Amino acid sequence: MEHLAIFKALSNETRLQILNWLKTPEEFFHDQQEPLSTGVCVGQIQKKSGLTQSTISENLAVLQKAGLVTSKRIGQWTYYKRNEATFEQLSKVVQAEI
């Protein structure tokens, strides 16, 4: 786990908002066709944010590179979920080292 990449990814308000939405997707993305257990479609995140698809894709790429989200491609759509294992590790790092 690259700590600096994680903290850098978390230093952006949009990325924090995306992570918050992905924490309880049933609360924020109840109109998605695909089951939320698959993840949340980029288009749904973009719609919720009001930002451009390229901006959301950029932010999701940063989150994925830091290990904070995972993606799954189904056909032409990409679905994102929080990587809870990374959050558990991060919590341990914060408690032990910071």
Protein backbone atom coordinates (compact mmCIF):
# COMPACT_ATOMS: atom_id res chain seq x y z
CA MET A 1 0.00 0.00 0.00
CA GLU A 2 1.48 3.30 -1.14
CA HIS A 3 0.60 5.69 1.69
CA LEU A 4 1.46 8.88 -0.15
CA ALA A 5 -0.71 7.95 -3.17
CA ILE A 6 -3.62 7.19 -0.84
CA PHE A 7 -3.36 10.46 1.08
CA LYS A 8 -2.96 12.37 -2.18
CA ALA A 9 -6.09 10.69 -3.57
CA LEU A 10 -7.97 11.57 -0.38
CA SER A 11 -6.95 15.23 -0.58
CA ASN A 12 -9.54 16.04 -3.25
CA GLU A 13 -13.13 16.94 -2.36
CA THR A 14 -14.64 15.26 -5.43
CA ARG A 15 -12.82 12.01 -4.76
CA LEU A 16 -13.89 12.07 -1.11
CA GLN A 17 -17.49 12.59 -2.24
CA ILE A 18 -17.26 9.65 -4.66
CA LEU A 19 -15.90 7.42 -1.88
CA ASN A 20 -18.73 8.54 0.38
CA TRP A 21 -21.33 7.67 -2.28
CA LEU A 22 -19.70 4.29 -2.89
CA LYS A 23 -19.75 3.53 0.84
CA THR A 24 -23.56 3.30 0.77
CA PRO A 25 -24.46 3.02 -2.93
CA GLU A 26 -28.03 1.92 -2.20
CA GLU A 27 -28.63 5.35 -0.66
CA PHE A 28 -27.31 7.32 -3.64
CA PHE A 29 -27.75 5.14 -6.74
CA HIS A 30 -31.08 3.36 -6.27
CA ASP A 31 -32.08 3.91 -9.93
CA GLN A 32 -29.17 1.91 -11.41
CA GLN A 33 -30.27 -1.04 -13.59
CA GLU A 34 -27.34 -3.37 -12.76
CA PRO A 35 -27.29 -4.74 -9.17
CA LEU A 36 -25.28 -2.47 -6.87
CA SER A 37 -23.32 -5.51 -5.70
CA THR A 38 -21.57 -5.27 -9.09
CA GLY A 39 -20.53 -1.69 -8.34
CA VAL A 40 -21.70 1.71 -9.54
CA CYS A 41 -21.52 2.66 -13.20
CA VAL A 42 -19.33 5.63 -14.14
CA GLY A 43 -22.37 7.24 -15.78
CA GLN A 44 -24.31 7.11 -12.50
CA ILE A 45 -21.42 8.71 -10.61
CA GLN A 46 -21.09 11.37 -13.31
CA LYS A 47 -24.82 12.10 -13.20
CA LYS A 48 -24.79 12.41 -9.40
CA SER A 49 -21.75 14.70 -9.41
CA GLY A 50 -22.83 17.00 -12.21
CA LEU A 51 -19.25 16.98 -13.51
CA THR A 52 -18.08 15.85 -16.94
CA GLN A 53 -17.52 12.17 -17.61
CA SER A 54 -13.82 12.82 -18.28
CA THR A 55 -13.42 14.57 -14.90
CA ILE A 56 -15.12 11.67 -13.09
CA SER A 57 -13.06 9.11 -15.02
CA GLU A 58 -9.89 10.98 -14.09
CA ASN A 59 -10.84 10.99 -10.41
CA LEU A 60 -11.79 7.32 -10.48
CA ALA A 61 -8.43 6.50 -12.09
CA VAL A 62 -6.61 8.26 -9.23
CA LEU A 63 -8.71 6.37 -6.66
CA GLN A 64 -8.07 3.08 -8.43
CA LYS A 65 -4.32 3.70 -8.71
CA ALA A 66 -4.24 4.34 -4.95
CA GLY A 67 -6.13 1.07 -4.37
CA LEU A 68 -9.18 2.80 -2.88
CA VAL A 69 -11.61 1.48 -5.50
CA THR A 70 -11.81 -1.54 -7.77
CA SER A 71 -13.41 -1.71 -11.18
CA LYS A 72 -15.27 -4.34 -13.15
CA ARG A 73 -15.98 -4.08 -16.87
CA ILE A 74 -19.27 -5.52 -18.15
CA GLY A 75 -19.77 -4.96 -21.87
CA GLN A 76 -19.24 -1.29 -22.56
CA TRP A 77 -19.80 -0.24 -18.93
CA THR A 78 -17.33 0.00 -16.06
CA TYR A 79 -18.54 -0.38 -12.48
CA TYR A 80 -16.68 0.83 -9.38
CA LYS A 81 -16.72 -0.30 -5.75
CA ARG A 82 -14.79 0.79 -2.70
CA ASN A 83 -11.89 -1.46 -1.83
CA GLU A 84 -12.70 -1.98 1.84
CA ALA A 85 -9.50 -3.98 2.42
CA THR A 86 -7.46 -0.85 1.64
CA PHE A 87 -9.53 1.20 4.08
CA GLU A 88 -8.95 -1.41 6.80
CA GLN A 89 -5.20 -1.34 6.15
CA LEU A 90 -5.21 2.46 6.10
CA SER A 91 -6.98 2.55 9.45
CA LYS A 92 -4.29 0.32 10.96
CA VAL A 93 -1.52 2.48 9.48
CA VAL A 94 -3.10 5.66 10.87
CA GLN A 95 -3.50 4.13 14.33
CA ALA A 96 0.02 2.70 14.41
CA GLU A 97 2.10 5.35 12.66
CA ILE A 98 0.36 8.71 12.77
